[in-house]
Amino acid sequence: MHAVHVNNLRISITQRCNMRCIYCHHEGESGSNGDEISAAKFEQALRIAMDLGIKKLKITGGEPLMRRDAVAIVGIASGYMNDVSMTTNGSLLPLYASALRESGLDRINISLDSLRSERYRAITLGRLDMVMSGIRSAIEAGIRPIKLNTVMLRGVNDDEVWNLAEFARDNNCVLQLIELEAGRDQESTDFYRRYHYDLRELEKDLERRAEKTEVRSMHHRRKYFVDGAEIEIVRPMHNSEFCANCTRLRMTSVGRLKPCLLNNEELNVPENEQEARNVFVKAIERKKPYWDEEK
């Protein structure tokens, strides 16, 4: 029986975004019809999560800073969770970084798929200069650690690993290299076949170069310390170790629970708090590795 303890929650607070990344999986959502989780529903989820021993929260989107109450939501979260983090594309951080820190944001992940302006725009339809301003704003606000998320795309940005590592090192950030993810039914698509970049060979190279290696409890991800840079590998595809050590529960932008990103199952959460708690328990019990030991 799979019995990894769930100790962190990931909540998407909106599907709105000011970019259009070519690899976006919309946090596993099929569509929100414009509805968004209310601040009250968000707080209810945190009360239940805290009661169940969940102590860490990651706030995501879409782009979470598209919500006008994003700072207030972080403030709510800091009252319940020991660790509050956010994943963002960074473009709006110049407006909000200081307020987010003051409201209790502990850590932040900023997407950075290229250091080349034209290439960045081709991947995201966004502006690299705005993201760079966002990174500087997060640094100046004192948010630590800052992780730079790079989705590795074969033939697109796979030649930038060491430039990105140098940039992360020079700015006291952690570089997180992420494998393009897809469910079993999407592996045969032209997009996945064209852009999937297997991180195993890169990870072997990092193992050879690293002065030190750490293994995180979450997913058993490896972090490599190479020439002063911290490089973390997120390699989920066909990785039973990664899935077996997933300790996260997800909530969609309309307030449904997902035991797994790649599993289509979503559980409706009732307004009644005791009934909602029972649904949380059910979601945790139904959590199982998507990529299990392959026969």
Protein backbone atom coordinates (compact mmCIF):
# COMPACT_ATOMS: atom_id res chain seq x y z
CA MET A 1 0.00 0.00 0.00
CA HIS A 2 1.28 3.50 -0.85
CA ALA A 3 1.59 5.50 2.36
CA VAL A 4 3.73 8.59 1.81
CA HIS A 5 2.66 11.32 4.23
CA VAL A 6 1.07 14.35 2.54
CA ASN A 7 2.59 17.45 4.10
CA ASN A 8 2.18 20.16 1.48
CA LEU A 9 -0.59 21.66 -0.60
CA ARG A 10 -0.46 23.39 -3.98
CA ILE A 11 -3.35 25.73 -4.76
CA SER A 12 -3.95 27.38 -8.12
CA ILE A 13 -5.75 30.66 -7.44
CA THR A 14 -6.40 31.58 -11.10
CA GLN A 15 -6.07 30.26 -14.63
CA ARG A 16 -5.56 33.79 -15.98
CA CYS A 17 -2.11 34.53 -17.29
CA ASN A 18 -0.34 37.31 -19.17
CA MET A 19 1.87 34.83 -21.04
CA ARG A 20 1.21 31.82 -23.24
CA CYS A 21 3.99 29.31 -22.59
CA ILE A 22 4.04 26.59 -25.23
CA TYR A 23 4.41 23.82 -22.63
CA CYS A 24 1.76 25.03 -20.15
CA HIS A 25 -0.31 22.20 -18.62
CA HIS A 26 -2.70 24.54 -16.74
CA GLU A 27 -1.95 22.69 -13.48
CA GLY A 28 -3.87 19.71 -14.82
CA GLU A 29 -7.14 21.67 -15.17
CA SER A 30 -9.43 21.14 -18.12
CA GLY A 31 -10.99 24.62 -17.82
CA SER A 32 -12.29 26.97 -15.16
CA ASN A 33 -14.98 28.90 -17.12
CA GLY A 34 -13.67 32.09 -15.58
CA ASP A 35 -14.53 31.05 -12.02
CA GLU A 36 -11.86 31.39 -9.33
CA ILE A 37 -11.54 30.09 -5.82
CA SER A 38 -12.76 32.69 -3.32
CA ALA A 39 -10.59 33.95 -0.49
CA ALA A 40 -13.04 32.33 1.96
CA LYS A 41 -12.81 28.94 0.23
CA PHE A 42 -9.02 29.31 0.11
CA GLU A 43 -8.94 29.95 3.86
CA GLN A 44 -11.24 27.01 4.54
CA ALA A 45 -8.85 24.75 2.63
CA LEU A 46 -5.94 25.99 4.74
CA ARG A 47 -7.80 25.42 8.01
CA ILE A 48 -8.50 21.84 7.01
CA ALA A 49 -4.98 21.30 5.67
CA MET A 50 -3.43 22.59 8.89
CA ASP A 51 -5.69 20.30 10.92
CA LEU A 52 -4.48 17.36 8.82
CA GLY A 53 -0.82 18.17 9.47
CA ILE A 54 -0.09 19.96 6.19
CA LYS A 55 2.37 22.75 6.89
CA LYS A 56 3.58 23.94 3.48
CA LEU A 57 1.71 25.78 0.74
CA LYS A 58 2.62 26.71 -2.82
CA ILE A 59 0.40 29.28 -4.54
CA THR A 60 0.26 28.98 -8.33
CA GLY A 61 -1.80 29.98 -11.37
CA GLY A 62 -1.97 30.64 -14.27
CA GLU A 63 -0.15 33.69 -13.09
CA PRO A 64 -1.17 34.19 -9.45
CA LEU A 65 -0.32 37.90 -9.49
CA MET A 66 -3.11 38.48 -12.02
CA ARG A 67 -5.44 38.39 -9.01
CA ARG A 68 -5.83 41.77 -7.34
CA ASP A 69 -6.05 40.11 -3.93
CA ALA A 70 -2.90 37.98 -4.39
CA VAL A 71 -1.04 39.82 -1.63
CA ALA A 72 -4.00 39.44 0.74
CA ILE A 73 -4.17 35.72 -0.10
CA VAL A 74 -0.51 35.35 0.89
CA GLY A 75 -1.36 37.11 4.14
CA ILE A 76 -4.16 34.63 4.82
CA ALA A 77 -1.86 31.72 4.05
CA SER A 78 0.89 32.92 6.39
CA GLY A 79 -1.56 32.65 9.28
CA TYR A 80 -1.96 28.89 8.75
CA MET A 81 1.16 27.54 7.06
CA ASN A 82 4.76 27.35 8.28
CA ASP A 83 6.06 27.79 4.73
CA VAL A 84 4.34 29.83 2.01
CA SER A 85 5.78 29.96 -1.50
CA MET A 86 4.60 31.09 -4.92
CA THR A 87 5.31 30.15 -8.52
CA THR A 88 5.17 33.10 -10.92
CA ASN A 89 6.43 34.16 -14.34
CA GLY A 90 7.97 37.15 -12.58
CA SER A 91 6.69 39.89 -14.89
CA LEU A 92 4.53 41.54 -12.21
CA LEU A 93 6.97 41.20 -9.32
CA PRO A 94 8.25 44.80 -9.63
CA LEU A 95 4.77 45.85 -8.46
CA TYR A 96 4.30 43.27 -5.72
CA ALA A 97 7.57 41.77 -4.43
CA SER A 98 7.93 43.97 -1.34
CA ALA A 99 4.25 43.63 -0.39
CA LEU A 100 4.40 39.85 -0.83
CA ARG A 101 7.40 39.61 1.47
CA GLU A 102 5.70 41.80 4.08
CA SER A 103 2.57 39.63 3.88
CA GLY A 104 4.55 36.52 4.72
CA LEU A 105 5.81 35.01 1.47
CA ASP A 106 8.79 32.83 2.39
CA ARG A 107 10.05 31.61 -0.96
CA ILE A 108 9.41 32.11 -4.65
CA ASN A 109 9.84 30.21 -7.92
CA ILE A 110 10.26 32.34 -11.04
CA SER A 111 10.00 30.81 -14.52
CA LEU A 112 13.03 31.57 -16.68
CA ASP A 113 13.15 29.45 -19.82
CA SER A 114 15.87 31.37 -21.66
CA LEU A 115 18.34 34.21 -21.23
CA ARG A 116 17.84 35.25 -24.86
CA SER A 117 15.06 37.77 -25.44
CA GLU A 118 13.81 36.46 -28.78
CA ARG A 119 13.98 32.86 -27.67
CA TYR A 120 12.19 33.70 -24.43
CA ARG A 121 9.43 35.41 -26.38
CA ALA A 122 9.09 32.42 -28.72
CA ILE A 123 8.57 30.10 -25.74
CA THR A 124 6.32 32.31 -23.61
CA LEU A 125 5.05 35.27 -25.69
CA GLY A 126 6.42 37.34 -22.79
CA ARG A 127 9.18 39.90 -22.35
CA LEU A 128 12.46 38.81 -20.79
CA ASP A 129 13.32 42.34 -19.58
CA MET A 130 10.16 42.38 -17.43
CA VAL A 131 11.10 39.04 -15.88
CA MET A 132 14.64 40.22 -15.17
CA SER A 133 13.16 43.25 -13.40
CA GLY A 134 10.99 40.86 -11.43
CA ILE A 135 13.96 38.77 -10.35
CA ARG A 136 15.80 41.89 -9.19
CA SER A 137 12.71 43.03 -7.29
CA ALA A 138 12.44 39.68 -5.48
CA ILE A 139 16.13 39.86 -4.55
CA GLU A 140 15.79 43.44 -3.28
CA ALA A 141 12.68 42.51 -1.27
CA GLY A 142 14.68 39.87 0.57
CA ILE A 143 12.68 36.85 -0.58
CA ARG A 144 14.86 33.76 -0.07
CA PRO A 145 15.39 31.33 -1.57
CA ILE A 146 14.58 32.27 -5.15
CA LYS A 147 14.33 29.35 -7.54
CA LEU A 148 14.55 29.88 -11.27
CA ASN A 149 12.41 27.29 -13.08
CA THR A 150 13.52 26.24 -16.55
CA VAL A 151 11.44 23.74 -18.53
CA MET A 152 13.98 22.00 -20.75
CA LEU A 153 12.92 21.84 -24.40
CA ARG A 154 14.95 19.81 -26.87
CA GLY A 155 16.39 21.91 -29.67
CA VAL A 156 15.07 25.12 -28.08
CA ASN A 157 16.91 25.94 -24.84
CA ASP A 158 18.95 22.81 -24.09
CA ASP A 159 22.13 24.70 -25.03
CA GLU A 160 21.66 27.23 -22.20
CA VAL A 161 22.11 25.03 -19.13
CA TRP A 162 25.51 26.36 -18.09
CA ASN A 163 24.65 29.99 -18.91
CA LEU A 164 21.52 29.66 -16.75
CA ALA A 165 23.58 28.03 -13.98
CA GLU A 166 26.05 30.90 -14.07
CA PHE A 167 23.22 33.46 -13.96
CA ALA A 168 21.61 31.68 -10.99
CA ARG A 169 24.92 31.50 -9.14
CA ASP A 170 25.74 35.16 -9.73
CA ASN A 171 22.31 36.19 -8.42
CA ASN A 172 22.28 33.82 -5.44
CA CYS A 173 19.39 31.80 -6.88
CA VAL A 174 18.78 28.08 -7.30
CA LEU A 175 18.38 26.77 -10.86
CA GLN A 176 15.63 24.16 -11.20
CA LEU A 177 15.74 22.21 -14.46
CA ILE A 178 12.35 20.66 -15.21
CA GLU A 179 11.58 17.81 -17.58
CA LEU A 180 8.69 18.39 -19.99
CA GLU A 181 5.82 16.43 -18.46
CA ALA A 182 2.97 14.58 -20.13
CA GLY A 183 0.47 11.88 -19.29
CA ARG A 184 0.56 8.47 -20.94
CA ASP A 185 -2.04 9.59 -23.49
CA GLN A 186 0.13 12.56 -24.55
CA GLU A 187 3.50 10.87 -25.00
CA SER A 188 2.74 10.06 -28.63
CA THR A 189 1.83 13.64 -29.58
CA ASP A 190 3.99 15.52 -32.06
CA PHE A 191 4.63 18.26 -29.50
CA TYR A 192 5.97 15.89 -26.85
CA ARG A 193 8.08 13.89 -29.30
CA ARG A 194 9.56 17.05 -30.73
CA TYR A 195 10.40 18.89 -27.50
CA HIS A 196 10.88 16.29 -24.77
CA TYR A 197 14.44 16.44 -23.45
CA ASP A 198 15.49 13.46 -21.36
CA LEU A 199 17.36 14.82 -18.33
CA ARG A 200 19.09 11.56 -17.41
CA GLU A 201 22.31 12.22 -19.34
CA LEU A 202 22.48 15.77 -18.02
CA GLU A 203 22.01 14.45 -14.51
CA LYS A 204 24.90 12.01 -14.99
CA ASP A 205 27.06 14.94 -16.10
CA LEU A 206 26.03 16.92 -13.02
CA GLU A 207 26.89 13.94 -10.80
CA ARG A 208 30.39 13.86 -12.29
CA ARG A 209 30.92 17.61 -11.88
CA ALA A 210 29.30 18.15 -8.49
CA GLU A 211 31.34 18.99 -5.41
CA LYS A 212 28.32 18.02 -3.30
CA THR A 213 24.90 16.42 -3.84
CA GLU A 214 21.77 16.67 -1.70
CA VAL A 215 18.56 14.63 -1.91
CA ARG A 216 15.31 16.39 -0.99
CA SER A 217 12.52 14.46 0.71
CA MET A 218 9.99 15.88 -1.80
CA HIS A 219 10.12 13.51 -4.81
CA HIS A 220 13.69 12.53 -3.80
CA ARG A 221 14.87 15.30 -6.12
CA ARG A 222 18.63 15.68 -6.43
CA LYS A 223 20.36 19.02 -6.01
CA TYR A 224 23.88 19.37 -7.38
CA PHE A 225 26.44 21.96 -6.28
CA VAL A 226 28.62 22.73 -9.29
CA ASP A 227 31.13 25.60 -9.46
CA GLY A 228 29.20 27.58 -6.89
CA ALA A 229 25.81 27.01 -8.54
CA GLU A 230 22.92 25.04 -7.01
CA ILE A 231 21.14 23.00 -9.69
CA GLU A 232 18.06 20.95 -8.92
CA ILE A 233 16.66 18.32 -11.27
CA VAL A 234 12.91 17.69 -11.60
CA ARG A 235 12.59 14.51 -13.68
CA PRO A 236 9.07 13.05 -13.34
CA MET A 237 8.61 11.04 -16.54
CA HIS A 238 8.53 7.27 -15.97
CA ASN A 239 10.24 7.95 -12.65
CA SER A 240 8.68 5.70 -10.01
CA GLU A 241 11.00 7.07 -7.29
CA PHE A 242 9.81 10.62 -8.04
CA CYS A 243 6.13 9.64 -7.82
CA ALA A 244 6.52 7.37 -4.81
CA ASN A 245 7.96 10.29 -2.84
CA CYS A 246 5.38 12.89 -3.82
CA THR A 247 3.99 14.46 -0.65
CA ARG A 248 1.74 17.05 -2.32
CA LEU A 249 -2.01 17.47 -2.72
CA ARG A 250 -3.36 19.91 -5.33
CA MET A 251 -6.36 22.19 -5.41
CA THR A 252 -7.59 23.66 -8.68
CA SER A 253 -8.46 27.30 -9.30
CA VAL A 254 -12.15 26.49 -8.80
CA GLY A 255 -11.55 24.69 -5.51
CA ARG A 256 -11.52 21.01 -6.52
CA LEU A 257 -8.98 18.56 -5.11
CA LYS A 258 -6.60 16.59 -7.32
CA PRO A 259 -4.58 13.76 -5.77
CA CYS A 260 -2.18 13.93 -8.75
CA LEU A 261 -1.35 16.40 -11.53
CA LEU A 262 -1.51 13.77 -14.28
CA ASN A 263 -4.56 11.95 -12.98
CA ASN A 264 -7.87 13.32 -14.28
CA GLU A 265 -9.65 12.71 -10.98
CA GLU A 266 -11.00 15.84 -9.30
CA LEU A 267 -13.03 15.85 -6.09
CA ASN A 268 -15.65 18.50 -5.35
CA VAL A 269 -15.19 20.16 -1.97
CA PRO A 270 -18.50 20.96 -0.16
CA GLU A 271 -19.18 24.23 1.64
CA ASN A 272 -19.77 22.41 4.94
CA GLU A 273 -16.37 22.26 6.64
CA GLN A 274 -16.70 18.79 8.17
CA GLU A 275 -17.82 17.37 4.84
CA ALA A 276 -14.99 19.26 3.13
CA ARG A 277 -12.51 17.75 5.61
CA ASN A 278 -13.79 14.27 4.72
CA VAL A 279 -13.10 15.01 1.05
CA PHE A 280 -9.54 16.07 1.90
CA VAL A 281 -9.03 12.79 3.73
CA LYS A 282 -10.46 10.88 0.77
CA ALA A 283 -8.14 12.70 -1.66
CA ILE A 284 -5.12 11.83 0.48
CA GLU A 285 -6.21 8.19 0.68
CA ARG A 286 -6.63 8.04 -3.10
CA LYS A 287 -3.19 9.46 -3.75
CA LYS A 288 -0.98 6.92 -5.50
CA PRO A 289 2.04 7.09 -7.83
CA TYR A 290 1.17 7.86 -11.45
CA TRP A 291 4.43 6.34 -12.63
CA ASP A 292 4.63 3.12 -10.63
CA GLU A 293 7.34 0.46 -10.81
CA GLU A 294 7.35 -0.58 -14.45
CA LYS A 295 7.10 -4.28 -15.07
